[in-house]
Amino acid sequence: MKKILKIFAVLFALLSGLFAVYYFNLDMKLMRSVVLPFMDKYFDKQQPQRII
């Protein structure tokens, strides 16, 4: 019985964490503050592949 309660507690904690990420939009805040500046630096250095 204690194992089942521990499993439910872990699942509840995981679900609560995922809900917090969704509710506060933390994934896109991370993307905007960390990933996009890195990608901007990388792609600004690239030469255009074709002339439009």
C-alpha atoms as a PDB file:
ATOM      1  CA  MET A   1       0.000   0.000   0.000  1.00  0.00           C
ATOM      2  CA  LYS A   2       2.864   2.379   0.795  1.00  0.00           C
ATOM      3  CA  LYS A   3       4.394   1.772  -2.645  1.00  0.00           C
ATOM      4  CA  ILE A   4       1.149   2.769  -4.337  1.00  0.00           C
ATOM      5  CA  LEU A   5       0.959   5.959  -2.272  1.00  0.00           C
ATOM      6  CA  LYS A   6       4.558   6.811  -3.165  1.00  0.00           C
ATOM      7  CA  ILE A   7       3.809   6.249  -6.850  1.00  0.00           C
ATOM      8  CA  PHE A   8       0.752   8.496  -6.626  1.00  0.00           C
ATOM      9  CA  ALA A   9       2.786  11.154  -4.805  1.00  0.00           C
ATOM     10  CA  VAL A  10       5.467  11.105  -7.511  1.00  0.00           C
ATOM     11  CA  LEU A  11       2.859  11.265 -10.273  1.00  0.00           C
ATOM     12  CA  PHE A  12       1.089  14.134  -8.527  1.00  0.00           C
ATOM     13  CA  ALA A  13       4.355  16.036  -8.171  1.00  0.00           C
ATOM     14  CA  LEU A  14       5.160  15.464 -11.841  1.00  0.00           C
ATOM     15  CA  LEU A  15       1.709  16.596 -12.922  1.00  0.00           C
ATOM     16  CA  SER A  16       1.940  19.672 -10.695  1.00  0.00           C
ATOM     17  CA  GLY A  17       5.313  20.569 -12.219  1.00  0.00           C
ATOM     18  CA  LEU A  18       4.004  20.174 -15.757  1.00  0.00           C
ATOM     19  CA  PHE A  19       0.964  22.286 -14.931  1.00  0.00           C
ATOM     20  CA  ALA A  20       3.199  25.041 -13.527  1.00  0.00           C
ATOM     21  CA  VAL A  21       5.254  25.036 -16.736  1.00  0.00           C
ATOM     22  CA  TYR A  22       2.060  25.280 -18.798  1.00  0.00           C
ATOM     23  CA  TYR A  23       0.353  27.891 -16.597  1.00  0.00           C
ATOM     24  CA  PHE A  24       3.301  30.280 -16.367  1.00  0.00           C
ATOM     25  CA  ASN A  25       4.408  29.627 -19.985  1.00  0.00           C
ATOM     26  CA  LEU A  26       7.914  28.786 -18.763  1.00  0.00           C
ATOM     27  CA  ASP A  27       8.896  26.865 -21.879  1.00  0.00           C
ATOM     28  CA  MET A  28       8.510  29.887 -24.144  1.00  0.00           C
ATOM     29  CA  LYS A  29      10.178  32.182 -21.595  1.00  0.00           C
ATOM     30  CA  LEU A  30      13.187  29.875 -21.660  1.00  0.00           C
ATOM     31  CA  MET A  31      13.095  29.764 -25.450  1.00  0.00           C
ATOM     32  CA  ARG A  32      12.943  33.557 -25.739  1.00  0.00           C
ATOM     33  CA  SER A  33      15.679  34.279 -23.216  1.00  0.00           C
ATOM     34  CA  VAL A  34      18.180  31.469 -23.937  1.00  0.00           C
ATOM     35  CA  VAL A  35      17.619  29.692 -27.232  1.00  0.00           C
ATOM     36  CA  LEU A  36      16.613  32.525 -29.568  1.00  0.00           C
ATOM     37  CA  PRO A  37      19.608  34.792 -28.830  1.00  0.00           C
ATOM     38  CA  PHE A  38      21.934  31.851 -29.474  1.00  0.00           C
ATOM     39  CA  MET A  39      20.168  31.048 -32.750  1.00  0.00           C
ATOM     40  CA  ASP A  40      20.190  34.715 -33.784  1.00  0.00           C
ATOM     41  CA  LYS A  41      23.951  34.921 -33.316  1.00  0.00           C
ATOM     42  CA  TYR A  42      24.463  31.718 -35.261  1.00  0.00           C
ATOM     43  CA  PHE A  43      22.215  32.567 -38.194  1.00  0.00           C
ATOM     44  CA  ASP A  44      23.366  36.193 -38.442  1.00  0.00           C
ATOM     45  CA  LYS A  45      26.877  34.875 -39.197  1.00  0.00           C
ATOM     46  CA  GLN A  46      25.624  32.719 -42.084  1.00  0.00           C
ATOM     47  CA  GLN A  47      25.953  33.905 -45.647  1.00  0.00           C
ATOM     48  CA  PRO A  48      22.757  33.941 -47.742  1.00  0.00           C
ATOM     49  CA  GLN A  49      22.412  30.763 -49.783  1.00  0.00           C
ATOM     50  CA  ARG A  50      20.655  32.337 -52.737  1.00  0.00           C
ATOM     51  CA  ILE A  51      19.849  35.766 -54.088  1.00  0.00           C
ATOM     52  CA  ILE A  52      16.187  36.671 -54.061  1.00  0.00           C
END
